[in-house]
Amino acid sequence: MSTENKVYEQDGAEAREIAKAIPYFPFKNIPRFYDIQGFLNKPDVFQKIVDIFVERYDGIGIDAVAGLDARGFVLGPPIALALKKPFIMMRKKGKMPNTIESPAYETEYGKRSGICVQKDAIKAGDRVLIIDDLVATGGTLSAAIELVRMLEGVVVECACVVELKFFIPSRKEMYEKMGIAEVPIWGLISEDVLTNEAQLPEGYVDDGEEH
């Protein structure tokens, strides 16, 4: 494996091109909900995202890739396969046997019960890359970090396609209080370049419900 990986800057040329395939629209009372179905509709763009993540993490000593329920299950497996590493599902409570549960956590949508991982999925000392589609408040990622630490693993980084920079100050403050401020979080694209407004059908209404 390579030891010198290409550095992809947030909102760099590749990110700006990918951003064109990620529309936003009003959903669940959020004016700009970023929809990854946009790039899932374009296999070449999806492949480019996977390639960027693989290039970033190849050769830095990762033992496993963990994905967060549910969109992390879309992104994580192809990245794990390309890196030739196991993929670990971090799921909502009650979906798997033999699990350990994180503490409850807060998101931009409100309070959530803990997420779960199988007890034997992570061994002491394992270096784990955590994958999700988007990081906002960082609440879900904080639960994932705690899960890895509960099993005595090490989080190498939390990687997301989109990072909402507006939440960085509050996220840092929360992580400092939780004692996880040293865990790096990387996002390929920020809201600064996500300017593709979805063309919605006439009569579209945001029902404001959780889905």
C-alpha atoms as a PDB file:
ATOM      1  CA  MET A   1       0.000   0.000   0.000  1.00  0.00           C
ATOM      2  CA  SER A   2       1.062   3.594  -0.558  1.00  0.00           C
ATOM      3  CA  THR A   3       2.434   5.669   2.296  1.00  0.00           C
ATOM      4  CA  GLU A   4       2.119   9.076   0.611  1.00  0.00           C
ATOM      5  CA  ASN A   5      -1.535   9.848   0.001  1.00  0.00           C
ATOM      6  CA  LYS A   6      -2.936  12.677  -2.074  1.00  0.00           C
ATOM      7  CA  VAL A   7      -4.334  15.509   0.020  1.00  0.00           C
ATOM      8  CA  TYR A   8      -7.897  16.425  -0.901  1.00  0.00           C
ATOM      9  CA  GLU A   9      -8.787  19.852   0.434  1.00  0.00           C
ATOM     10  CA  GLN A  10     -12.290  20.587   1.623  1.00  0.00           C
ATOM     11  CA  ASP A  11     -14.133  22.396  -1.178  1.00  0.00           C
ATOM     12  CA  GLY A  12     -11.248  21.792  -3.580  1.00  0.00           C
ATOM     13  CA  ALA A  13     -11.689  21.206  -7.306  1.00  0.00           C
ATOM     14  CA  GLU A  14     -12.876  17.597  -6.912  1.00  0.00           C
ATOM     15  CA  ALA A  15     -15.260  18.543  -4.114  1.00  0.00           C
ATOM     16  CA  ARG A  16     -16.780  21.382  -6.113  1.00  0.00           C
ATOM     17  CA  GLU A  17     -17.458  19.070  -9.016  1.00  0.00           C
ATOM     18  CA  ILE A  18     -19.072  16.464  -6.745  1.00  0.00           C
ATOM     19  CA  ALA A  19     -21.161  19.170  -5.035  1.00  0.00           C
ATOM     20  CA  LYS A  20     -23.045  19.743  -8.280  1.00  0.00           C
ATOM     21  CA  ALA A  21     -24.632  16.295  -7.812  1.00  0.00           C
ATOM     22  CA  ILE A  22     -25.891  16.984  -4.269  1.00  0.00           C
ATOM     23  CA  PRO A  23     -29.131  19.009  -4.309  1.00  0.00           C
ATOM     24  CA  TYR A  24     -30.747  20.628  -1.317  1.00  0.00           C
ATOM     25  CA  PHE A  25     -34.406  21.104  -0.511  1.00  0.00           C
ATOM     26  CA  PRO A  26     -36.647  21.847   2.505  1.00  0.00           C
ATOM     27  CA  PHE A  27     -37.213  18.727   4.599  1.00  0.00           C
ATOM     28  CA  LYS A  28     -38.106  18.106   8.243  1.00  0.00           C
ATOM     29  CA  ASN A  29     -38.246  21.880   8.810  1.00  0.00           C
ATOM     30  CA  ILE A  30     -34.639  22.301   7.650  1.00  0.00           C
ATOM     31  CA  PRO A  31     -34.385  24.809   4.776  1.00  0.00           C
ATOM     32  CA  ARG A  32     -31.395  23.040   3.221  1.00  0.00           C
ATOM     33  CA  PHE A  33     -31.469  19.267   3.557  1.00  0.00           C
ATOM     34  CA  TYR A  34     -28.647  17.818   1.431  1.00  0.00           C
ATOM     35  CA  ASP A  35     -29.697  14.725  -0.476  1.00  0.00           C
ATOM     36  CA  ILE A  36     -27.025  12.110  -1.248  1.00  0.00           C
ATOM     37  CA  GLN A  37     -29.429  10.379  -3.644  1.00  0.00           C
ATOM     38  CA  GLY A  38     -28.168  12.982  -6.090  1.00  0.00           C
ATOM     39  CA  PHE A  39     -24.731  11.420  -6.360  1.00  0.00           C
ATOM     40  CA  LEU A  40     -26.067   7.888  -5.947  1.00  0.00           C
ATOM     41  CA  ASN A  41     -27.889   8.527  -9.227  1.00  0.00           C
ATOM     42  CA  LYS A  42     -24.516   9.137 -10.892  1.00  0.00           C
ATOM     43  CA  PRO A  43     -22.226   6.082 -10.633  1.00  0.00           C
ATOM     44  CA  ASP A  44     -19.199   8.017 -11.878  1.00  0.00           C
ATOM     45  CA  VAL A  45     -19.609  10.610  -9.108  1.00  0.00           C
ATOM     46  CA  PHE A  46     -20.244   7.939  -6.475  1.00  0.00           C
ATOM     47  CA  GLN A  47     -17.109   6.112  -7.619  1.00  0.00           C
ATOM     48  CA  LYS A  48     -15.100   9.334  -7.420  1.00  0.00           C
ATOM     49  CA  ILE A  49     -16.170   9.826  -3.797  1.00  0.00           C
ATOM     50  CA  VAL A  50     -15.155   6.262  -2.936  1.00  0.00           C
ATOM     51  CA  ASP A  51     -11.819   6.738  -4.711  1.00  0.00           C
ATOM     52  CA  ILE A  52     -11.104   9.946  -2.768  1.00  0.00           C
ATOM     53  CA  PHE A  53     -11.821   8.281   0.567  1.00  0.00           C
ATOM     54  CA  VAL A  54      -9.722   5.250  -0.326  1.00  0.00           C
ATOM     55  CA  GLU A  55      -6.821   7.464  -1.435  1.00  0.00           C
ATOM     56  CA  ARG A  56      -7.018   9.389   1.841  1.00  0.00           C
ATOM     57  CA  TYR A  57      -7.013   6.336   4.101  1.00  0.00           C
ATOM     58  CA  ASP A  58      -4.930   3.787   2.196  1.00  0.00           C
ATOM     59  CA  GLY A  59      -1.723   2.945   3.982  1.00  0.00           C
ATOM     60  CA  ILE A  60      -2.307   4.721   7.316  1.00  0.00           C
ATOM     61  CA  GLY A  61      -2.974   1.597   9.348  1.00  0.00           C
ATOM     62  CA  ILE A  62      -6.733   1.120   9.564  1.00  0.00           C
ATOM     63  CA  ASP A  63      -8.063  -2.183  10.912  1.00  0.00           C
ATOM     64  CA  ALA A  64     -11.762  -1.667  10.154  1.00  0.00           C
ATOM     65  CA  VAL A  65     -14.305   0.731   8.649  1.00  0.00           C
ATOM     66  CA  ALA A  66     -17.467   1.473  10.642  1.00  0.00           C
ATOM     67  CA  GLY A  67     -20.590   2.943   9.038  1.00  0.00           C
ATOM     68  CA  LEU A  68     -23.486   4.684  10.763  1.00  0.00           C
ATOM     69  CA  ASP A  69     -27.096   3.642  10.253  1.00  0.00           C
ATOM     70  CA  ALA A  70     -28.259   4.215   7.625  1.00  0.00           C
ATOM     71  CA  ARG A  71     -26.431   6.256   5.003  1.00  0.00           C
ATOM     72  CA  GLY A  72     -23.065   5.165   6.333  1.00  0.00           C
ATOM     73  CA  PHE A  73     -24.130   1.697   5.172  1.00  0.00           C
ATOM     74  CA  VAL A  74     -24.203   3.013   1.610  1.00  0.00           C
ATOM     75  CA  LEU A  75     -20.775   4.660   1.708  1.00  0.00           C
ATOM     76  CA  GLY A  76     -18.849   2.407   4.070  1.00  0.00           C
ATOM     77  CA  PRO A  77     -18.906  -1.001   2.336  1.00  0.00           C
ATOM     78  CA  PRO A  78     -17.360   0.055  -1.002  1.00  0.00           C
ATOM     79  CA  ILE A  79     -14.667   1.991   0.871  1.00  0.00           C
ATOM     80  CA  ALA A  80     -13.966  -0.967   3.161  1.00  0.00           C
ATOM     81  CA  LEU A  81     -13.828  -3.360   0.200  1.00  0.00           C
ATOM     82  CA  ALA A  82     -11.372  -1.156  -1.666  1.00  0.00           C
ATOM     83  CA  LEU A  83      -9.204  -0.904   1.460  1.00  0.00           C
ATOM     84  CA  LYS A  84      -9.598  -4.671   2.025  1.00  0.00           C
ATOM     85  CA  LYS A  85     -10.804  -4.096   5.574  1.00  0.00           C
ATOM     86  CA  PRO A  86     -13.818  -5.396   7.529  1.00  0.00           C
ATOM     87  CA  PHE A  87     -16.964  -3.288   7.552  1.00  0.00           C
ATOM     88  CA  ILE A  88     -18.750  -2.766  10.867  1.00  0.00           C
ATOM     89  CA  MET A  89     -22.398  -1.717  11.144  1.00  0.00           C
ATOM     90  CA  MET A  90     -23.334   0.741  13.878  1.00  0.00           C
ATOM     91  CA  ARG A  91     -27.089   0.342  14.060  1.00  0.00           C
ATOM     92  CA  LYS A  92     -30.159   1.582  15.873  1.00  0.00           C
ATOM     93  CA  LYS A  93     -31.101  -0.329  19.019  1.00  0.00           C
ATOM     94  CA  GLY A  94     -32.773  -3.710  18.637  1.00  0.00           C
ATOM     95  CA  LYS A  95     -31.470  -4.539  15.147  1.00  0.00           C
ATOM     96  CA  MET A  96     -28.617  -6.952  15.982  1.00  0.00           C
ATOM     97  CA  PRO A  97     -27.783  -9.596  18.605  1.00  0.00           C
ATOM     98  CA  ASN A  98     -24.884  -9.472  21.064  1.00  0.00           C
ATOM     99  CA  THR A  99     -24.534  -5.700  21.093  1.00  0.00           C
ATOM    100  CA  ILE A 100     -23.212  -2.919  23.267  1.00  0.00           C
ATOM    101  CA  GLU A 101     -25.062   0.418  23.282  1.00  0.00           C
ATOM    102  CA  SER A 102     -23.686   3.959  23.386  1.00  0.00           C
ATOM    103  CA  PRO A 103     -25.186   6.625  25.654  1.00  0.00           C
ATOM    104  CA  ALA A 104     -28.036   8.716  24.243  1.00  0.00           C
ATOM    105  CA  TYR A 105     -27.009  11.674  22.129  1.00  0.00           C
ATOM    106  CA  GLU A 106     -28.312  14.923  20.628  1.00  0.00           C
ATOM    107  CA  THR A 107     -28.673  15.752  16.931  1.00  0.00           C
ATOM    108  CA  GLU A 108     -30.040  18.768  15.058  1.00  0.00           C
ATOM    109  CA  TYR A 109     -33.378  16.891  15.107  1.00  0.00           C
ATOM    110  CA  GLY A 110     -33.453  16.295  18.871  1.00  0.00           C
ATOM    111  CA  LYS A 111     -32.423  13.644  21.386  1.00  0.00           C
ATOM    112  CA  ARG A 112     -31.749  10.086  20.231  1.00  0.00           C
ATOM    113  CA  SER A 113     -31.294   6.789  22.071  1.00  0.00           C
ATOM    114  CA  GLY A 114     -27.879   5.172  21.775  1.00  0.00           C
ATOM    115  CA  ILE A 115     -26.558   3.318  18.753  1.00  0.00           C
ATOM    116  CA  CYS A 116     -25.257  -0.241  18.936  1.00  0.00           C
ATOM    117  CA  VAL A 117     -22.416  -2.387  17.654  1.00  0.00           C
ATOM    118  CA  GLN A 118     -21.755  -6.090  18.114  1.00  0.00           C
ATOM    119  CA  LYS A 119     -19.426  -6.701  21.045  1.00  0.00           C
ATOM    120  CA  ASP A 120     -16.943  -8.774  19.071  1.00  0.00           C
ATOM    121  CA  ALA A 121     -16.781  -6.433  16.045  1.00  0.00           C
ATOM    122  CA  ILE A 122     -14.006  -4.290  17.526  1.00  0.00           C
ATOM    123  CA  LYS A 123     -11.040  -5.615  19.477  1.00  0.00           C
ATOM    124  CA  ALA A 124      -8.818  -3.737  21.904  1.00  0.00           C
ATOM    125  CA  GLY A 125      -6.349  -1.608  19.978  1.00  0.00           C
ATOM    126  CA  ASP A 126      -8.214  -1.782  16.642  1.00  0.00           C
ATOM    127  CA  ARG A 127      -7.841   1.382  14.571  1.00  0.00           C
ATOM    128  CA  VAL A 128     -11.285   2.274  13.231  1.00  0.00           C
ATOM    129  CA  LEU A 129     -12.366   4.716  10.529  1.00  0.00           C
ATOM    130  CA  ILE A 130     -15.948   5.937  11.055  1.00  0.00           C
ATOM    131  CA  ILE A 131     -17.956   6.825   7.926  1.00  0.00           C
ATOM    132  CA  ASP A 132     -21.179   8.818   7.549  1.00  0.00           C
ATOM    133  CA  ASP A 133     -22.708  10.949   4.835  1.00  0.00           C
ATOM    134  CA  LEU A 134     -22.895  14.253   6.735  1.00  0.00           C
ATOM    135  CA  VAL A 135     -21.775  15.805  10.004  1.00  0.00           C
ATOM    136  CA  ALA A 136     -23.712  18.683  11.527  1.00  0.00           C
ATOM    137  CA  THR A 137     -23.882  18.886  15.324  1.00  0.00           C
ATOM    138  CA  GLY A 138     -21.667  15.801  15.586  1.00  0.00           C
ATOM    139  CA  GLY A 139     -24.026  14.038  17.980  1.00  0.00           C
ATOM    140  CA  THR A 140     -24.268  10.802  16.024  1.00  0.00           C
ATOM    141  CA  LEU A 141     -20.524  10.693  15.465  1.00  0.00           C
ATOM    142  CA  SER A 142     -19.951  11.276  19.180  1.00  0.00           C
ATOM    143  CA  ALA A 143     -22.003   8.150  19.943  1.00  0.00           C
ATOM    144  CA  ALA A 144     -19.956   6.171  17.415  1.00  0.00           C
ATOM    145  CA  ILE A 145     -16.686   7.405  18.922  1.00  0.00           C
ATOM    146  CA  GLU A 146     -17.859   6.371  22.369  1.00  0.00           C
ATOM    147  CA  LEU A 147     -18.831   2.917  21.095  1.00  0.00           C
ATOM    148  CA  VAL A 148     -15.352   2.343  19.686  1.00  0.00           C
ATOM    149  CA  ARG A 149     -13.782   3.482  22.939  1.00  0.00           C
ATOM    150  CA  MET A 150     -16.102   1.301  25.018  1.00  0.00           C
ATOM    151  CA  LEU A 151     -14.587  -1.670  23.167  1.00  0.00           C
ATOM    152  CA  GLU A 152     -11.059  -0.240  23.653  1.00  0.00           C
ATOM    153  CA  GLY A 153     -10.579   0.604  19.990  1.00  0.00           C
ATOM    154  CA  VAL A 154      -9.050   3.781  18.565  1.00  0.00           C
ATOM    155  CA  VAL A 155     -10.875   6.129  16.198  1.00  0.00           C
ATOM    156  CA  VAL A 156      -8.428   7.145  13.478  1.00  0.00           C
ATOM    157  CA  GLU A 157     -10.832   9.687  11.991  1.00  0.00           C
ATOM    158  CA  CYS A 158     -14.504  10.383  11.326  1.00  0.00           C
ATOM    159  CA  ALA A 159     -15.009  10.965   7.602  1.00  0.00           C
ATOM    160  CA  CYS A 160     -18.083  12.433   5.920  1.00  0.00           C
ATOM    161  CA  VAL A 161     -18.937  13.607   2.438  1.00  0.00           C
ATOM    162  CA  VAL A 162     -20.476  16.831   3.794  1.00  0.00           C
ATOM    163  CA  GLU A 163     -19.440  18.880   6.823  1.00  0.00           C
ATOM    164  CA  LEU A 164     -21.700  21.746   7.884  1.00  0.00           C
ATOM    165  CA  LYS A 165     -19.188  24.307   9.147  1.00  0.00           C
ATOM    166  CA  PHE A 166     -21.869  26.329  10.914  1.00  0.00           C
ATOM    167  CA  PHE A 167     -21.906  23.689  13.673  1.00  0.00           C
ATOM    168  CA  ILE A 168     -18.130  23.423  14.178  1.00  0.00           C
ATOM    169  CA  PRO A 169     -17.893  25.758  17.242  1.00  0.00           C
ATOM    170  CA  SER A 170     -20.729  24.047  19.132  1.00  0.00           C
ATOM    171  CA  ARG A 171     -19.440  20.608  18.116  1.00  0.00           C
ATOM    172  CA  LYS A 172     -15.957  21.379  19.394  1.00  0.00           C
ATOM    173  CA  GLU A 173     -17.389  22.623  22.675  1.00  0.00           C
ATOM    174  CA  MET A 174     -19.468  19.464  23.080  1.00  0.00           C
ATOM    175  CA  TYR A 175     -16.544  17.184  22.229  1.00  0.00           C
ATOM    176  CA  GLU A 176     -14.288  18.960  24.736  1.00  0.00           C
ATOM    177  CA  LYS A 177     -16.862  18.345  27.474  1.00  0.00           C
ATOM    178  CA  MET A 178     -17.073  14.680  26.430  1.00  0.00           C
ATOM    179  CA  GLY A 179     -13.285  14.239  26.334  1.00  0.00           C
ATOM    180  CA  ILE A 180     -13.197  13.335  22.634  1.00  0.00           C
ATOM    181  CA  ALA A 181     -11.995  16.657  21.198  1.00  0.00           C
ATOM    182  CA  GLU A 182      -8.806  15.087  19.843  1.00  0.00           C
ATOM    183  CA  VAL A 183     -10.681  12.839  17.402  1.00  0.00           C
ATOM    184  CA  PRO A 184     -10.313  14.371  13.904  1.00  0.00           C
ATOM    185  CA  ILE A 185     -13.342  14.899  11.692  1.00  0.00           C
ATOM    186  CA  TRP A 186     -12.948  15.375   7.954  1.00  0.00           C
ATOM    187  CA  GLY A 187     -15.545  16.411   5.419  1.00  0.00           C
ATOM    188  CA  LEU A 188     -14.920  16.616   1.683  1.00  0.00           C
ATOM    189  CA  ILE A 189     -17.544  19.285   0.973  1.00  0.00           C
ATOM    190  CA  SER A 190     -19.005  22.169   2.979  1.00  0.00           C
ATOM    191  CA  GLU A 191     -22.224  24.108   2.609  1.00  0.00           C
ATOM    192  CA  ASP A 192     -20.224  26.911   0.983  1.00  0.00           C
ATOM    193  CA  VAL A 193     -20.166  25.048  -2.342  1.00  0.00           C
ATOM    194  CA  LEU A 194     -23.459  23.148  -2.058  1.00  0.00           C
ATOM    195  CA  THR A 195     -25.480  25.536  -4.180  1.00  0.00           C
ATOM    196  CA  ASN A 196     -27.568  23.099  -6.226  1.00  0.00           C
ATOM    197  CA  GLU A 197     -31.177  23.853  -5.286  1.00  0.00           C
ATOM    198  CA  ALA A 198     -33.503  20.958  -6.055  1.00  0.00           C
ATOM    199  CA  GLN A 199     -36.198  21.463  -8.658  1.00  0.00           C
ATOM    200  CA  LEU A 200     -39.262  20.390  -6.722  1.00  0.00           C
ATOM    201  CA  PRO A 201     -42.637  19.467  -8.212  1.00  0.00           C
ATOM    202  CA  GLU A 202     -45.491  21.903  -7.875  1.00  0.00           C
ATOM    203  CA  GLY A 203     -47.290  21.409  -4.604  1.00  0.00           C
ATOM    204  CA  TYR A 204     -44.306  19.972  -2.724  1.00  0.00           C
ATOM    205  CA  VAL A 205     -44.830  20.340   1.017  1.00  0.00           C
ATOM    206  CA  ASP A 206     -42.320  19.595   3.759  1.00  0.00           C
ATOM    207  CA  ASP A 207     -44.381  17.492   6.127  1.00  0.00           C
ATOM    208  CA  GLY A 208     -41.883  18.067   8.936  1.00  0.00           C
ATOM    209  CA  GLU A 209     -42.048  14.448  10.018  1.00  0.00           C
ATOM    210  CA  GLU A 210     -39.183  12.139  10.957  1.00  0.00           C
ATOM    211  CA  HIS A 211     -38.574   9.414   8.361  1.00  0.00           C
END
